């Protein structure tokens, strides 16, 4: 049994298979999941687990070189946008519609119990060297 990092066996397996520039999505409980994209649903109650808790756990386990958020987060969820900015990720902003289109290319969507507006992020895998 692992004692560090992501313990969820499906997520750990997907993360182990990621290559440079592959993407994953951490999503609130309302983001639509495109057909054909694997969804790992961690939600067990409203707001649980939180987006921030899942994001922090993923970032502790995965090399991320870039992130993408919906530009609407800056006006409609300023506290979460500030949390993301404080992580010092290279973050790009696109429209929510463009964000949803990019989700179709993700290797996995991790669904949280988050129920605040635009609490979604695309993380692009980097390399350890």
N, C-alpha and C. Protein backbone atom coordinates (compact mmCIF):
# COMPACT_ATOMS: atom_id res chain seq x y z
N UNK A 1 0.83 -1.18 0.00
CA UNK A 1 0.00 0.00 0.00
C UNK A 1 0.88 1.25 0.00
N UNK A 2 0.50 2.24 -0.81
CA UNK A 2 1.22 3.52 -0.81
C UNK A 2 1.04 4.22 0.52
N UNK A 3 2.05 4.99 0.91
CA UNK A 3 1.91 5.77 2.13
C UNK A 3 2.04 7.26 1.88
N UNK A 4 2.29 7.66 0.65
CA UNK A 4 2.40 9.08 0.29
C UNK A 4 1.64 9.34 -1.01
N UNK A 5 1.26 10.59 -1.20
CA UNK A 5 0.64 10.98 -2.46
C UNK A 5 -0.80 10.53 -2.57
N UNK A 6 -1.27 10.44 -3.78
CA UNK A 6 -2.65 10.06 -4.07
C UNK A 6 -2.83 8.58 -3.76
N UNK A 7 -3.77 8.27 -2.89
CA UNK A 7 -4.04 6.88 -2.52
C UNK A 7 -5.11 6.25 -3.40
N UNK A 8 -5.96 7.05 -4.01
CA UNK A 8 -7.01 6.52 -4.88
C UNK A 8 -6.34 5.74 -6.01
N UNK A 9 -6.63 4.45 -6.10
CA UNK A 9 -5.90 3.59 -7.05
C UNK A 9 -6.13 3.98 -8.50
N UNK A 10 -7.35 4.40 -8.84
CA UNK A 10 -7.61 4.80 -10.23
C UNK A 10 -6.83 6.06 -10.59
N UNK A 11 -6.85 7.05 -9.69
CA UNK A 11 -6.10 8.29 -9.96
C UNK A 11 -4.60 8.04 -9.99
N UNK A 12 -4.09 7.26 -9.05
CA UNK A 12 -2.66 6.98 -9.02
C UNK A 12 -2.22 6.30 -10.32
N UNK A 13 -3.05 5.38 -10.83
CA UNK A 13 -2.73 4.71 -12.09
C UNK A 13 -2.74 5.65 -13.27
N UNK A 14 -3.73 6.52 -13.33
CA UNK A 14 -3.81 7.50 -14.42
C UNK A 14 -2.63 8.45 -14.35
N UNK A 15 -2.31 8.94 -13.15
CA UNK A 15 -1.18 9.86 -13.02
C UNK A 15 0.12 9.21 -13.46
N UNK A 16 0.30 7.93 -13.16
CA UNK A 16 1.52 7.21 -13.55
C UNK A 16 1.66 7.10 -15.06
N UNK A 17 0.54 7.15 -15.77
CA UNK A 17 0.56 7.03 -17.23
C UNK A 17 0.67 8.36 -17.96
N UNK A 18 0.56 9.48 -17.24
CA UNK A 18 0.60 10.79 -17.89
C UNK A 18 1.96 11.07 -18.50
N UNK A 19 1.94 11.67 -19.67
CA UNK A 19 3.15 12.13 -20.32
C UNK A 19 3.16 13.64 -20.39
N UNK A 20 4.25 14.17 -20.86
CA UNK A 20 4.41 15.62 -20.97
C UNK A 20 3.29 16.20 -21.84
N UNK A 21 2.64 17.20 -21.35
CA UNK A 21 1.54 17.97 -21.97
C UNK A 21 0.17 17.28 -21.88
N UNK A 22 0.08 16.06 -21.34
CA UNK A 22 -1.24 15.48 -21.10
C UNK A 22 -1.97 16.35 -20.08
N UNK A 23 -3.28 16.34 -20.12
CA UNK A 23 -4.05 17.18 -19.20
C UNK A 23 -5.03 16.37 -18.36
N UNK A 24 -5.29 16.92 -17.18
CA UNK A 24 -6.34 16.41 -16.31
C UNK A 24 -7.20 17.61 -15.90
N UNK A 25 -8.40 17.34 -15.42
CA UNK A 25 -9.30 18.40 -14.98
C UNK A 25 -9.72 18.11 -13.55
N UNK A 26 -9.70 19.13 -12.72
CA UNK A 26 -10.33 19.07 -11.41
C UNK A 26 -11.57 19.94 -11.53
N UNK A 27 -12.73 19.35 -11.23
CA UNK A 27 -14.00 20.00 -11.54
C UNK A 27 -14.90 20.11 -10.33
N UNK A 28 -15.77 21.12 -10.39
CA UNK A 28 -16.85 21.23 -9.40
C UNK A 28 -17.90 20.17 -9.72
N UNK A 29 -18.93 20.10 -8.91
CA UNK A 29 -19.92 19.04 -9.11
C UNK A 29 -20.87 19.30 -10.28
N UNK A 30 -20.75 20.45 -10.93
CA UNK A 30 -21.66 20.76 -12.03
C UNK A 30 -21.07 20.73 -13.42
N UNK A 31 -19.75 20.59 -13.54
CA UNK A 31 -19.13 20.62 -14.87
C UNK A 31 -19.56 19.40 -15.68
N UNK A 32 -20.04 19.61 -16.91
CA UNK A 32 -20.40 18.45 -17.72
C UNK A 32 -19.15 17.66 -18.13
N UNK A 33 -19.28 16.35 -18.12
CA UNK A 33 -18.17 15.48 -18.50
C UNK A 33 -18.38 15.05 -19.95
N UNK A 34 -17.44 15.40 -20.84
CA UNK A 34 -17.60 15.02 -22.24
C UNK A 34 -17.61 13.49 -22.42
N UNK A 35 -18.37 13.04 -23.39
CA UNK A 35 -18.41 11.61 -23.70
C UNK A 35 -17.00 11.12 -24.00
N UNK A 36 -16.68 9.95 -23.46
CA UNK A 36 -15.39 9.34 -23.72
C UNK A 36 -14.28 9.73 -22.77
N UNK A 37 -14.51 10.71 -21.90
CA UNK A 37 -13.49 11.12 -20.94
C UNK A 37 -13.77 10.43 -19.61
N UNK A 38 -12.76 9.78 -19.06
CA UNK A 38 -12.90 9.11 -17.78
C UNK A 38 -13.20 10.13 -16.69
N UNK A 39 -14.14 9.79 -15.82
CA UNK A 39 -14.47 10.66 -14.68
C UNK A 39 -14.29 9.86 -13.40
N UNK A 40 -13.46 10.37 -12.51
CA UNK A 40 -13.32 9.81 -11.17
C UNK A 40 -14.12 10.74 -10.26
N UNK A 41 -15.21 10.24 -9.72
CA UNK A 41 -16.11 11.06 -8.92
C UNK A 41 -15.77 10.88 -7.45
N UNK A 42 -15.17 11.91 -6.86
CA UNK A 42 -14.80 11.88 -5.45
C UNK A 42 -15.88 12.50 -4.56
N UNK A 43 -16.89 13.14 -5.16
CA UNK A 43 -17.92 13.83 -4.39
C UNK A 43 -18.68 12.85 -3.51
N UNK A 44 -18.83 13.20 -2.24
CA UNK A 44 -19.63 12.37 -1.33
C UNK A 44 -20.68 13.19 -0.61
N UNK A 45 -20.58 14.53 -0.69
CA UNK A 45 -21.58 15.43 -0.13
C UNK A 45 -21.34 16.80 -0.76
N UNK A 46 -22.32 17.66 -0.65
CA UNK A 46 -22.16 19.00 -1.19
C UNK A 46 -20.95 19.68 -0.54
N UNK A 47 -20.05 20.17 -1.37
CA UNK A 47 -18.80 20.84 -0.98
C UNK A 47 -17.73 19.87 -0.47
N UNK A 48 -17.96 18.56 -0.54
CA UNK A 48 -16.97 17.61 -0.01
C UNK A 48 -16.69 16.50 -1.01
N UNK A 49 -15.45 16.27 -1.34
CA UNK A 49 -14.30 17.06 -0.92
C UNK A 49 -14.30 18.40 -1.65
N UNK A 50 -13.64 19.36 -1.06
CA UNK A 50 -13.60 20.69 -1.68
C UNK A 50 -12.64 20.70 -2.86
N UNK A 51 -12.86 21.63 -3.75
CA UNK A 51 -11.97 21.83 -4.89
C UNK A 51 -10.55 22.08 -4.40
N UNK A 52 -10.40 22.98 -3.42
CA UNK A 52 -9.07 23.33 -2.93
C UNK A 52 -8.34 22.13 -2.35
N UNK A 53 -9.03 21.30 -1.57
CA UNK A 53 -8.39 20.11 -0.99
C UNK A 53 -7.88 19.17 -2.08
N UNK A 54 -8.71 18.94 -3.09
CA UNK A 54 -8.30 18.03 -4.17
C UNK A 54 -7.17 18.65 -4.98
N UNK A 55 -7.28 19.93 -5.31
CA UNK A 55 -6.22 20.59 -6.07
C UNK A 55 -4.89 20.51 -5.31
N UNK A 56 -4.90 20.81 -4.03
CA UNK A 56 -3.66 20.78 -3.25
C UNK A 56 -3.06 19.37 -3.21
N UNK A 57 -3.89 18.35 -3.07
CA UNK A 57 -3.40 16.97 -3.04
C UNK A 57 -2.81 16.58 -4.39
N UNK A 58 -3.47 16.96 -5.48
CA UNK A 58 -2.98 16.63 -6.82
C UNK A 58 -1.65 17.34 -7.08
N UNK A 59 -1.56 18.61 -6.72
CA UNK A 59 -0.33 19.36 -6.96
C UNK A 59 0.85 18.82 -6.16
N UNK A 60 0.57 18.20 -5.03
CA UNK A 60 1.64 17.58 -4.23
C UNK A 60 2.16 16.30 -4.88
N UNK A 61 1.40 15.75 -5.82
CA UNK A 61 1.73 14.45 -6.41
C UNK A 61 2.10 14.51 -7.88
N UNK A 62 1.83 15.63 -8.54
CA UNK A 62 1.94 15.71 -9.99
C UNK A 62 2.75 16.93 -10.41
N UNK A 63 3.63 16.76 -11.39
CA UNK A 63 4.36 17.90 -11.95
C UNK A 63 3.42 18.62 -12.92
N UNK A 64 3.17 19.90 -12.66
CA UNK A 64 2.27 20.69 -13.50
C UNK A 64 3.05 21.86 -14.07
N UNK A 65 2.99 22.01 -15.40
CA UNK A 65 3.70 23.13 -16.01
C UNK A 65 2.79 24.26 -16.43
N UNK A 66 1.48 24.01 -16.45
CA UNK A 66 0.54 25.04 -16.90
C UNK A 66 -0.84 24.67 -16.40
N UNK A 67 -1.66 25.69 -16.18
CA UNK A 67 -3.06 25.45 -15.84
C UNK A 67 -3.94 26.37 -16.66
N UNK A 68 -5.20 25.98 -16.78
CA UNK A 68 -6.18 26.76 -17.52
C UNK A 68 -7.43 26.86 -16.66
N UNK A 69 -7.97 28.08 -16.55
CA UNK A 69 -9.22 28.32 -15.84
C UNK A 69 -10.15 29.12 -16.74
N UNK A 70 -11.42 29.07 -16.45
CA UNK A 70 -12.39 29.92 -17.15
C UNK A 70 -12.19 31.36 -16.69
N UNK A 71 -12.18 32.28 -17.62
CA UNK A 71 -11.97 33.69 -17.27
C UNK A 71 -13.05 34.21 -16.33
N UNK A 72 -14.21 33.59 -16.36
CA UNK A 72 -15.32 34.02 -15.50
C UNK A 72 -15.01 33.86 -14.01
N UNK A 73 -14.03 33.03 -13.67
CA UNK A 73 -13.67 32.83 -12.26
C UNK A 73 -13.21 34.14 -11.63
N UNK A 74 -12.59 35.01 -12.41
CA UNK A 74 -12.04 36.25 -11.85
C UNK A 74 -13.14 37.18 -11.32
N UNK A 75 -14.33 37.12 -11.89
CA UNK A 75 -15.44 37.96 -11.44
C UNK A 75 -16.40 37.23 -10.51
N UNK A 76 -16.54 35.91 -10.69
CA UNK A 76 -17.59 35.18 -9.99
C UNK A 76 -17.10 34.26 -8.86
N UNK A 77 -15.79 34.12 -8.71
CA UNK A 77 -15.25 33.30 -7.63
C UNK A 77 -13.85 33.81 -7.30
N UNK A 78 -13.81 35.05 -6.85
CA UNK A 78 -12.53 35.74 -6.63
C UNK A 78 -11.66 35.05 -5.58
N UNK A 79 -12.26 34.50 -4.54
CA UNK A 79 -11.44 33.86 -3.50
C UNK A 79 -10.73 32.62 -4.04
N UNK A 80 -11.43 31.84 -4.86
CA UNK A 80 -10.78 30.66 -5.44
C UNK A 80 -9.73 31.08 -6.47
N UNK A 81 -10.03 32.11 -7.25
CA UNK A 81 -9.04 32.61 -8.21
C UNK A 81 -7.78 33.05 -7.47
N UNK A 82 -7.95 33.72 -6.34
CA UNK A 82 -6.79 34.16 -5.55
C UNK A 82 -6.00 32.96 -5.02
N UNK A 83 -6.71 31.92 -4.58
CA UNK A 83 -6.02 30.71 -4.11
C UNK A 83 -5.17 30.12 -5.23
N UNK A 84 -5.74 30.04 -6.43
CA UNK A 84 -5.00 29.49 -7.57
C UNK A 84 -3.80 30.38 -7.90
N UNK A 85 -3.99 31.69 -7.89
CA UNK A 85 -2.86 32.60 -8.16
C UNK A 85 -1.76 32.44 -7.12
N UNK A 86 -2.14 32.21 -5.86
CA UNK A 86 -1.14 32.04 -4.79
C UNK A 86 -0.31 30.77 -4.95
N UNK A 87 -0.78 29.83 -5.76
CA UNK A 87 -0.03 28.60 -6.00
C UNK A 87 1.10 28.79 -7.00
N UNK A 88 1.16 29.97 -7.63
CA UNK A 88 2.20 30.30 -8.60
C UNK A 88 2.24 29.35 -9.79
N UNK A 89 1.06 28.94 -10.23
CA UNK A 89 0.97 28.15 -11.45
C UNK A 89 0.98 29.11 -12.63
N UNK A 90 1.51 28.68 -13.74
CA UNK A 90 1.39 29.47 -14.96
C UNK A 90 -0.05 29.26 -15.45
N UNK A 91 -0.94 30.20 -15.16
CA UNK A 91 -2.37 30.03 -15.43
C UNK A 91 -2.81 30.89 -16.59
N UNK A 92 -3.48 30.24 -17.54
CA UNK A 92 -4.10 30.94 -18.66
C UNK A 92 -5.60 30.97 -18.42
N UNK A 93 -6.25 32.00 -18.91
CA UNK A 93 -7.70 32.13 -18.78
C UNK A 93 -8.34 32.11 -20.16
N UNK A 94 -9.39 31.31 -20.29
CA UNK A 94 -10.16 31.21 -21.53
C UNK A 94 -11.64 31.31 -21.15
N UNK A 95 -12.49 31.53 -22.13
CA UNK A 95 -13.93 31.56 -21.83
C UNK A 95 -14.38 30.21 -21.28
N UNK A 96 -15.47 30.21 -20.54
CA UNK A 96 -15.99 28.96 -19.98
C UNK A 96 -16.34 27.97 -21.10
N UNK A 97 -16.86 28.47 -22.19
CA UNK A 97 -17.19 27.59 -23.33
C UNK A 97 -15.92 26.95 -23.89
N UNK A 98 -14.86 27.74 -24.06
CA UNK A 98 -13.59 27.19 -24.56
C UNK A 98 -13.01 26.20 -23.55
N UNK A 99 -13.16 26.51 -22.25
CA UNK A 99 -12.70 25.60 -21.21
C UNK A 99 -13.37 24.24 -21.35
N UNK A 100 -14.70 24.24 -21.50
CA UNK A 100 -15.44 22.98 -21.62
C UNK A 100 -15.00 22.21 -22.86
N UNK A 101 -14.68 22.90 -23.94
CA UNK A 101 -14.20 22.22 -25.15
C UNK A 101 -12.84 21.57 -24.90
N UNK A 102 -11.97 22.26 -24.16
CA UNK A 102 -10.64 21.70 -23.86
C UNK A 102 -10.73 20.46 -22.97
N UNK A 103 -11.78 20.39 -22.16
CA UNK A 103 -11.96 19.23 -21.27
C UNK A 103 -12.08 17.92 -22.06
N UNK A 104 -12.53 18.00 -23.29
CA UNK A 104 -12.70 16.80 -24.11
C UNK A 104 -11.36 16.11 -24.40
N UNK A 105 -10.25 16.81 -24.23
CA UNK A 105 -8.93 16.24 -24.49
C UNK A 105 -8.27 15.68 -23.22
N UNK A 106 -8.91 15.85 -22.08
CA UNK A 106 -8.31 15.44 -20.81
C UNK A 106 -8.25 13.93 -20.68
N UNK A 107 -7.26 13.45 -19.95
CA UNK A 107 -7.14 12.02 -19.65
C UNK A 107 -8.12 11.61 -18.56
N UNK A 108 -8.47 12.56 -17.69
CA UNK A 108 -9.41 12.28 -16.61
C UNK A 108 -10.01 13.58 -16.12
N UNK A 109 -11.26 13.51 -15.68
CA UNK A 109 -11.89 14.61 -14.96
C UNK A 109 -12.13 14.11 -13.54
N UNK A 110 -11.60 14.85 -12.58
CA UNK A 110 -11.77 14.51 -11.18
C UNK A 110 -12.90 15.40 -10.66
N UNK A 111 -14.02 14.78 -10.33
CA UNK A 111 -15.20 15.53 -9.87
C UNK A 111 -15.16 15.64 -8.36
N UNK A 112 -15.23 16.89 -7.88
CA UNK A 112 -15.27 17.16 -6.45
C UNK A 112 -16.70 17.45 -6.04
N UNK A 113 -16.91 17.71 -4.77
CA UNK A 113 -18.23 18.11 -4.29
C UNK A 113 -18.41 19.62 -4.28
N UNK A 114 -17.44 20.34 -4.85
CA UNK A 114 -17.47 21.81 -4.85
C UNK A 114 -18.72 22.33 -5.53
N UNK A 115 -19.32 23.35 -4.92
CA UNK A 115 -20.54 23.95 -5.48
C UNK A 115 -20.45 25.47 -5.48
N UNK A 116 -19.30 25.98 -5.91
CA UNK A 116 -19.14 27.41 -6.11
C UNK A 116 -18.87 27.65 -7.59
N UNK A 117 -19.16 28.85 -8.10
CA UNK A 117 -19.06 29.10 -9.54
C UNK A 117 -17.65 28.95 -10.10
N UNK A 118 -17.55 28.30 -11.25
CA UNK A 118 -16.33 28.20 -12.04
C UNK A 118 -15.16 27.59 -11.27
N UNK A 119 -15.45 26.66 -10.38
CA UNK A 119 -14.40 25.98 -9.60
C UNK A 119 -13.90 24.78 -10.39
N UNK A 120 -13.19 25.08 -11.48
CA UNK A 120 -12.67 24.08 -12.40
C UNK A 120 -11.29 24.51 -12.86
N UNK A 121 -10.41 23.53 -13.08
CA UNK A 121 -9.08 23.85 -13.58
C UNK A 121 -8.57 22.70 -14.44
N UNK A 122 -7.90 23.04 -15.51
CA UNK A 122 -7.19 22.07 -16.33
C UNK A 122 -5.72 22.17 -15.94
N UNK A 123 -5.12 21.02 -15.64
CA UNK A 123 -3.70 20.97 -15.30
C UNK A 123 -2.95 20.23 -16.39
N UNK A 124 -1.91 20.85 -16.91
CA UNK A 124 -1.08 20.23 -17.95
C UNK A 124 0.16 19.65 -17.31
N UNK A 125 0.38 18.38 -17.55
CA UNK A 125 1.49 17.64 -16.98
C UNK A 125 2.83 18.16 -17.51
N UNK A 126 3.77 18.31 -16.58
CA UNK A 126 5.13 18.68 -16.95
C UNK A 126 6.03 17.45 -16.85
N UNK A 127 7.32 17.69 -16.75
CA UNK A 127 8.29 16.61 -16.61
C UNK A 127 9.15 16.87 -15.38
N UNK A 128 9.75 15.82 -14.84
CA UNK A 128 10.55 15.96 -13.63
C UNK A 128 11.99 16.35 -13.92
N UNK A 129 12.34 16.51 -15.17
CA UNK A 129 13.72 16.91 -15.49
C UNK A 129 13.74 18.19 -16.27
